[in-house]
Amino acid sequence: MREPKNNGSDWTEEFKEELGGMAKEGLNHPSTKPVLTGAAIGAAAGLLLPVVSWPVGLIAGASFALYQRIKK
């Protein structure tokens, strides 16, 4: 597990690095599969909940999974 840069204070840089790595490496990047899983779970929850649509659930699930990866 890697140490957060700047004691975790600048998460936006880590967010950009993760997204860039995921875009370049595709499914070979360690964050891609957990983020896709979070997106699928969010989309399924969006289908089941009457107030939230599946695209909102998909984005929320992917965002939460990516946040969890960066937070570590």
PDB file of N, CA and C in Angstrom:
ATOM      1  N   MET A   1       0.839  -1.167   0.000  1.00  0.00           N
ATOM      2  CA  MET A   1       0.000   0.000   0.000  1.00  0.00           C
ATOM      3  C   MET A   1       0.896   1.247   0.000  1.00  0.00           C
ATOM      4  N   ARG A   2       0.518   2.239  -0.759  1.00  0.00           N
ATOM      5  CA  ARG A   2       1.360   3.436  -0.860  1.00  0.00           C
ATOM      6  C   ARG A   2       0.925   4.490   0.151  1.00  0.00           C
ATOM      7  N   GLU A   3       1.867   5.331   0.499  1.00  0.00           N
ATOM      8  CA  GLU A   3       1.585   6.420   1.439  1.00  0.00           C
ATOM      9  C   GLU A   3       0.950   7.588   0.699  1.00  0.00           C
ATOM     10  N   PRO A   4      -0.048   8.256   1.294  1.00  0.00           N
ATOM     11  CA  PRO A   4      -0.624   9.428   0.624  1.00  0.00           C
ATOM     12  C   PRO A   4       0.399  10.540   0.526  1.00  0.00           C
ATOM     13  N   LYS A   5       0.369  11.241  -0.577  1.00  0.00           N
ATOM     14  CA  LYS A   5       1.272  12.365  -0.763  1.00  0.00           C
ATOM     15  C   LYS A   5       0.788  13.552   0.062  1.00  0.00           C
ATOM     16  N   ASN A   6       1.708  14.353   0.530  1.00  0.00           N
ATOM     17  CA  ASN A   6       1.393  15.559   1.313  1.00  0.00           C
ATOM     18  C   ASN A   6       0.493  15.243   2.496  1.00  0.00           C
ATOM     19  N   ASN A   7       0.712  14.090   3.120  1.00  0.00           N
ATOM     20  CA  ASN A   7      -0.098  13.658   4.262  1.00  0.00           C
ATOM     21  C   ASN A   7      -1.581  13.603   3.934  1.00  0.00           C
ATOM     22  N   GLY A   8      -1.916  13.350   2.692  1.00  0.00           N
ATOM     23  CA  GLY A   8      -3.305  13.206   2.296  1.00  0.00           C
ATOM     24  C   GLY A   8      -4.046  14.507   2.100  1.00  0.00           C
ATOM     25  N   SER A   9      -3.346  15.644   2.121  1.00  0.00           N
ATOM     26  CA  SER A   9      -4.038  16.924   2.050  1.00  0.00           C
ATOM     27  C   SER A   9      -4.435  17.298   0.622  1.00  0.00           C
ATOM     28  N   ASP A  10      -3.715  16.805  -0.385  1.00  0.00           N
ATOM     29  CA  ASP A  10      -4.017  17.176  -1.760  1.00  0.00           C
ATOM     30  C   ASP A  10      -4.551  15.964  -2.515  1.00  0.00           C
ATOM     31  N   TRP A  11      -5.785  15.607  -2.259  1.00  0.00           N
ATOM     32  CA  TRP A  11      -6.374  14.427  -2.867  1.00  0.00           C
ATOM     33  C   TRP A  11      -6.717  14.653  -4.334  1.00  0.00           C
ATOM     34  N   THR A  12      -6.810  15.911  -4.766  1.00  0.00           N
ATOM     35  CA  THR A  12      -7.150  16.160  -6.172  1.00  0.00           C
ATOM     36  C   THR A  12      -6.038  15.683  -7.101  1.00  0.00           C
ATOM     37  N   GLU A  13      -4.796  15.831  -6.689  1.00  0.00           N
ATOM     38  CA  GLU A  13      -3.681  15.343  -7.510  1.00  0.00           C
ATOM     39  C   GLU A  13      -3.700  13.826  -7.595  1.00  0.00           C
ATOM     40  N   GLU A  14      -3.982  13.176  -6.471  1.00  0.00           N
ATOM     41  CA  GLU A  14      -4.065  11.722  -6.486  1.00  0.00           C
ATOM     42  C   GLU A  14      -5.238  11.258  -7.347  1.00  0.00           C
ATOM     43  N   PHE A  15      -6.342  11.995  -7.306  1.00  0.00           N
ATOM     44  CA  PHE A  15      -7.511  11.687  -8.127  1.00  0.00           C
ATOM     45  C   PHE A  15      -7.145  11.755  -9.604  1.00  0.00           C
ATOM     46  N   LYS A  16      -6.438  12.816 -10.000  1.00  0.00           N
ATOM     47  CA  LYS A  16      -6.014  12.969 -11.394  1.00  0.00           C
ATOM     48  C   LYS A  16      -5.069  11.846 -11.812  1.00  0.00           C
ATOM     49  N   GLU A  17      -4.133  11.492 -10.928  1.00  0.00           N
ATOM     50  CA  GLU A  17      -3.185  10.421 -11.236  1.00  0.00           C
ATOM     51  C   GLU A  17      -3.903   9.083 -11.413  1.00  0.00           C
ATOM     52  N   GLU A  18      -4.866   8.796 -10.532  1.00  0.00           N
ATOM     53  CA  GLU A  18      -5.615   7.540 -10.638  1.00  0.00           C
ATOM     54  C   GLU A  18      -6.412   7.488 -11.928  1.00  0.00           C
ATOM     55  N   LEU A  19      -7.117   8.564 -12.247  1.00  0.00           N
ATOM     56  CA  LEU A  19      -7.900   8.585 -13.481  1.00  0.00           C
ATOM     57  C   LEU A  19      -7.008   8.468 -14.707  1.00  0.00           C
ATOM     58  N   GLY A  20      -5.884   9.160 -14.695  1.00  0.00           N
ATOM     59  CA  GLY A  20      -4.939   9.070 -15.809  1.00  0.00           C
ATOM     60  C   GLY A  20      -4.386   7.668 -15.961  1.00  0.00           C
ATOM     61  N   GLY A  21      -4.046   7.043 -14.843  1.00  0.00           N
ATOM     62  CA  GLY A  21      -3.547   5.678 -14.874  1.00  0.00           C
ATOM     63  C   GLY A  21      -4.593   4.701 -15.365  1.00  0.00           C
ATOM     64  N   MET A  22      -5.819   4.892 -14.938  1.00  0.00           N
ATOM     65  CA  MET A  22      -6.902   4.021 -15.382  1.00  0.00           C
ATOM     66  C   MET A  22      -7.157   4.199 -16.879  1.00  0.00           C
ATOM     67  N   ALA A  23      -7.053   5.437 -17.358  1.00  0.00           N
ATOM     68  CA  ALA A  23      -7.276   5.699 -18.785  1.00  0.00           C
ATOM     69  C   ALA A  23      -6.161   5.089 -19.630  1.00  0.00           C
ATOM     70  N   LYS A  24      -4.917   5.147 -19.157  1.00  0.00           N
ATOM     71  CA  LYS A  24      -3.783   4.617 -19.920  1.00  0.00           C
ATOM     72  C   LYS A  24      -3.691   3.103 -19.862  1.00  0.00           C
ATOM     73  N   GLU A  25      -3.877   2.536 -18.670  1.00  0.00           N
ATOM     74  CA  GLU A  25      -3.652   1.108 -18.488  1.00  0.00           C
ATOM     75  C   GLU A  25      -4.903   0.259 -18.660  1.00  0.00           C
ATOM     76  N   GLY A  26      -6.062   0.866 -18.633  1.00  0.00           N
ATOM     77  CA  GLY A  26      -7.306   0.119 -18.797  1.00  0.00           C
ATOM     78  C   GLY A  26      -7.538  -0.850 -17.651  1.00  0.00           C
ATOM     79  N   LEU A  27      -7.919  -2.082 -17.983  1.00  0.00           N
ATOM     80  CA  LEU A  27      -8.218  -3.080 -16.951  1.00  0.00           C
ATOM     81  C   LEU A  27      -6.977  -3.573 -16.221  1.00  0.00           C
ATOM     82  N   ASN A  28      -5.799  -3.243 -16.712  1.00  0.00           N
ATOM     83  CA  ASN A  28      -4.571  -3.651 -16.025  1.00  0.00           C
ATOM     84  C   ASN A  28      -4.261  -2.775 -14.815  1.00  0.00           C
ATOM     85  N   HIS A  29      -4.902  -1.627 -14.710  1.00  0.00           N
ATOM     86  CA  HIS A  29      -4.673  -0.738 -13.572  1.00  0.00           C
ATOM     87  C   HIS A  29      -5.391  -1.299 -12.348  1.00  0.00           C
ATOM     88  N   PRO A  30      -4.751  -1.251 -11.175  1.00  0.00           N
ATOM     89  CA  PRO A  30      -5.367  -1.847  -9.986  1.00  0.00           C
ATOM     90  C   PRO A  30      -6.669  -1.178  -9.534  1.00  0.00           C
ATOM     91  N   SER A  31      -6.932   0.046  -9.926  1.00  0.00           N
ATOM     92  CA  SER A  31      -8.149   0.731  -9.495  1.00  0.00           C
ATOM     93  C   SER A  31      -9.328   0.509 -10.424  1.00  0.00           C
ATOM     94  N   THR A  32      -9.096   0.029 -11.622  1.00  0.00           N
ATOM     95  CA  THR A  32     -10.170  -0.058 -12.611  1.00  0.00           C
ATOM     96  C   THR A  32     -11.276  -1.015 -12.181  1.00  0.00           C
ATOM     97  N   LYS A  33     -10.921  -2.209 -11.778  1.00  0.00           N
ATOM     98  CA  LYS A  33     -11.941  -3.205 -11.438  1.00  0.00           C
ATOM     99  C   LYS A  33     -12.777  -2.794 -10.229  1.00  0.00           C
ATOM    100  N   PRO A  34     -12.190  -2.280  -9.135  1.00  0.00           N
ATOM    101  CA  PRO A  34     -13.035  -1.841  -8.018  1.00  0.00           C
ATOM    102  C   PRO A  34     -13.954  -0.677  -8.400  1.00  0.00           C
ATOM    103  N   VAL A  35     -13.477   0.227  -9.236  1.00  0.00           N
ATOM    104  CA  VAL A  35     -14.308   1.358  -9.651  1.00  0.00           C
ATOM    105  C   VAL A  35     -15.452   0.884 -10.541  1.00  0.00           C
ATOM    106  N   LEU A  36     -15.176  -0.053 -11.447  1.00  0.00           N
ATOM    107  CA  LEU A  36     -16.244  -0.602 -12.287  1.00  0.00           C
ATOM    108  C   LEU A  36     -17.262  -1.376 -11.455  1.00  0.00           C
ATOM    109  N   THR A  37     -16.787  -2.085 -10.444  1.00  0.00           N
ATOM    110  CA  THR A  37     -17.694  -2.802  -9.548  1.00  0.00           C
ATOM    111  C   THR A  37     -18.578  -1.819  -8.793  1.00  0.00           C
ATOM    112  N   GLY A  38     -17.984  -0.742  -8.291  1.00  0.00           N
ATOM    113  CA  GLY A  38     -18.763   0.288  -7.602  1.00  0.00           C
ATOM    114  C   GLY A  38     -19.789   0.929  -8.521  1.00  0.00           C
ATOM    115  N   ALA A  39     -19.418   1.127  -9.774  1.00  0.00           N
ATOM    116  CA  ALA A  39     -20.351   1.706 -10.749  1.00  0.00           C
ATOM    117  C   ALA A  39     -21.525   0.759 -10.988  1.00  0.00           C
ATOM    118  N   ALA A  40     -21.246  -0.534 -11.096  1.00  0.00           N
ATOM    119  CA  ALA A  40     -22.311  -1.506 -11.320  1.00  0.00           C
ATOM    120  C   ALA A  40     -23.253  -1.594 -10.124  1.00  0.00           C
ATOM    121  N   ILE A  41     -22.694  -1.584  -8.927  1.00  0.00           N
ATOM    122  CA  ILE A  41     -23.523  -1.624  -7.723  1.00  0.00           C
ATOM    123  C   ILE A  41     -24.374  -0.362  -7.630  1.00  0.00           C
ATOM    124  N   GLY A  42     -23.775   0.785  -7.927  1.00  0.00           N
ATOM    125  CA  GLY A  42     -24.526   2.038  -7.908  1.00  0.00           C
ATOM    126  C   GLY A  42     -25.639   2.067  -8.936  1.00  0.00           C
ATOM    127  N   ALA A  43     -25.370   1.549 -10.123  1.00  0.00           N
ATOM    128  CA  ALA A  43     -26.400   1.509 -11.164  1.00  0.00           C
ATOM    129  C   ALA A  43     -27.545   0.588 -10.761  1.00  0.00           C
ATOM    130  N   ALA A  44     -27.216  -0.559 -10.164  1.00  0.00           N
ATOM    131  CA  ALA A  44     -28.260  -1.486  -9.700  1.00  0.00           C
ATOM    132  C   ALA A  44     -29.099  -0.844  -8.600  1.00  0.00           C
ATOM    133  N   ALA A  45     -28.435  -0.134  -7.691  1.00  0.00           N
ATOM    134  CA  ALA A  45     -29.179   0.561  -6.638  1.00  0.00           C
ATOM    135  C   ALA A  45     -30.061   1.648  -7.238  1.00  0.00           C
ATOM    136  N   GLY A  46     -29.564   2.318  -8.265  1.00  0.00           N
ATOM    137  CA  GLY A  46     -30.346   3.354  -8.929  1.00  0.00           C
ATOM    138  C   GLY A  46     -31.593   2.800  -9.601  1.00  0.00           C
ATOM    139  N   LEU A  47     -31.520   1.567 -10.087  1.00  0.00           N
ATOM    140  CA  LEU A  47     -32.686   0.930 -10.695  1.00  0.00           C
ATOM    141  C   LEU A  47     -33.740   0.588  -9.644  1.00  0.00           C
ATOM    142  N   LEU A  48     -33.279   0.240  -8.450  1.00  0.00           N
ATOM    143  CA  LEU A  48     -34.198  -0.186  -7.402  1.00  0.00           C
ATOM    144  C   LEU A  48     -34.822   0.980  -6.635  1.00  0.00           C
ATOM    145  N   LEU A  49     -34.110   2.067  -6.519  1.00  0.00           N
ATOM    146  CA  LEU A  49     -34.609   3.209  -5.752  1.00  0.00           C
ATOM    147  C   LEU A  49     -35.462   4.108  -6.641  1.00  0.00           C
ATOM    148  N   PRO A  50     -36.632   4.499  -6.165  1.00  0.00           N
ATOM    149  CA  PRO A  50     -37.530   5.279  -7.016  1.00  0.00           C
ATOM    150  C   PRO A  50     -37.057   6.715  -7.270  1.00  0.00           C
ATOM    151  N   VAL A  51     -36.266   7.279  -6.387  1.00  0.00           N
ATOM    152  CA  VAL A  51     -35.861   8.681  -6.515  1.00  0.00           C
ATOM    153  C   VAL A  51     -34.621   8.840  -7.388  1.00  0.00           C
ATOM    154  N   VAL A  52     -33.760   7.821  -7.392  1.00  0.00           N
ATOM    155  CA  VAL A  52     -32.471   7.902  -8.082  1.00  0.00           C
ATOM    156  C   VAL A  52     -32.548   7.090  -9.378  1.00  0.00           C
ATOM    157  N   SER A  53     -32.058   7.655 -10.470  1.00  0.00           N
ATOM    158  CA  SER A  53     -32.018   6.908 -11.726  1.00  0.00           C
ATOM    159  C   SER A  53     -30.698   6.145 -11.820  1.00  0.00           C
ATOM    160  N   TRP A  54     -30.607   5.206 -12.765  1.00  0.00           N
ATOM    161  CA  TRP A  54     -29.395   4.389 -12.855  1.00  0.00           C
ATOM    162  C   TRP A  54     -28.155   5.189 -13.221  1.00  0.00           C
ATOM    163  N   PRO A  55     -28.237   6.254 -14.073  1.00  0.00           N
ATOM    164  CA  PRO A  55     -26.994   6.998 -14.340  1.00  0.00           C
ATOM    165  C   PRO A  55     -26.455   7.711 -13.093  1.00  0.00           C
ATOM    166  N   VAL A  56     -27.354   8.223 -12.275  1.00  0.00           N
ATOM    167  CA  VAL A  56     -26.920   8.885 -11.036  1.00  0.00           C
ATOM    168  C   VAL A  56     -26.286   7.857 -10.106  1.00  0.00           C
ATOM    169  N   GLY A  57     -26.904   6.680 -10.004  1.00  0.00           N
ATOM    170  CA  GLY A  57     -26.345   5.611  -9.179  1.00  0.00           C
ATOM    171  C   GLY A  57     -24.999   5.147  -9.688  1.00  0.00           C
ATOM    172  N   LEU A  58     -24.864   5.045 -11.009  1.00  0.00           N
ATOM    173  CA  LEU A  58     -23.600   4.628 -11.615  1.00  0.00           C
ATOM    174  C   LEU A  58     -22.487   5.613 -11.269  1.00  0.00           C
ATOM    175  N   ILE A  59     -22.756   6.885 -11.435  1.00  0.00           N
ATOM    176  CA  ILE A  59     -21.741   7.909 -11.137  1.00  0.00           C
ATOM    177  C   ILE A  59     -21.414   7.932  -9.648  1.00  0.00           C
ATOM    178  N   ALA A  60     -22.443   7.833  -8.818  1.00  0.00           N
ATOM    179  CA  ALA A  60     -22.214   7.845  -7.374  1.00  0.00           C
ATOM    180  C   ALA A  60     -21.406   6.624  -6.937  1.00  0.00           C
ATOM    181  N   GLY A  61     -21.736   5.460  -7.465  1.00  0.00           N
ATOM    182  CA  GLY A  61     -21.005   4.245  -7.102  1.00  0.00           C
ATOM    183  C   GLY A  61     -19.555   4.288  -7.546  1.00  0.00           C
ATOM    184  N   ALA A  62     -19.319   4.749  -8.767  1.00  0.00           N
ATOM    185  CA  ALA A  62     -17.948   4.848  -9.272  1.00  0.00           C
ATOM    186  C   ALA A  62     -17.153   5.885  -8.482  1.00  0.00           C
ATOM    187  N   SER A  63     -17.786   7.000  -8.165  1.00  0.00           N
ATOM    188  CA  SER A  63     -17.110   8.060  -7.399  1.00  0.00           C
ATOM    189  C   SER A  63     -16.744   7.574  -6.015  1.00  0.00           C
ATOM    190  N   PHE A  64     -17.658   6.874  -5.373  1.00  0.00           N
ATOM    191  CA  PHE A  64     -17.385   6.366  -4.026  1.00  0.00           C
ATOM    192  C   PHE A  64     -16.252   5.349  -4.047  1.00  0.00           C
ATOM    193  N   ALA A  65     -16.269   4.446  -5.019  1.00  0.00           N
ATOM    194  CA  ALA A  65     -15.213   3.436  -5.113  1.00  0.00           C
ATOM    195  C   ALA A  65     -13.851   4.084  -5.382  1.00  0.00           C
ATOM    196  N   LEU A  66     -13.823   5.089  -6.248  1.00  0.00           N
ATOM    197  CA  LEU A  66     -12.566   5.780  -6.533  1.00  0.00           C
ATOM    198  C   LEU A  66     -12.076   6.532  -5.303  1.00  0.00           C
ATOM    199  N   TYR A  67     -12.995   7.153  -4.579  1.00  0.00           N
ATOM    200  CA  TYR A  67     -12.630   7.852  -3.343  1.00  0.00           C
ATOM    201  C   TYR A  67     -12.025   6.865  -2.338  1.00  0.00           C
ATOM    202  N   GLN A  68     -12.631   5.688  -2.217  1.00  0.00           N
ATOM    203  CA  GLN A  68     -12.098   4.691  -1.298  1.00  0.00           C
ATOM    204  C   GLN A  68     -10.692   4.242  -1.692  1.00  0.00           C
ATOM    205  N   ARG A  69     -10.430   4.147  -3.001  1.00  0.00           N
ATOM    206  CA  ARG A  69      -9.104   3.768  -3.468  1.00  0.00           C
ATOM    207  C   ARG A  69      -8.070   4.859  -3.164  1.00  0.00           C
ATOM    208  N   ILE A  70      -8.454   6.104  -3.343  1.00  0.00           N
ATOM    209  CA  ILE A  70      -7.521   7.217  -3.114  1.00  0.00           C
ATOM    210  C   ILE A  70      -7.277   7.409  -1.622  1.00  0.00           C
ATOM    211  N   LYS A  71      -8.296   7.219  -0.841  1.00  0.00           N
ATOM    212  CA  LYS A  71      -8.217   7.437   0.592  1.00  0.00           C
ATOM    213  C   LYS A  71      -7.225   6.500   1.260  1.00  0.00           C
ATOM    214  N   LYS A  72      -7.038   5.309   0.705  1.00  0.00           N
ATOM    215  CA  LYS A  72      -6.149   4.304   1.315  1.00  0.00           C
ATOM    216  C   LYS A  72      -4.732   4.772   1.376  1.00  0.00           C
TER     217      LYS A  72
END
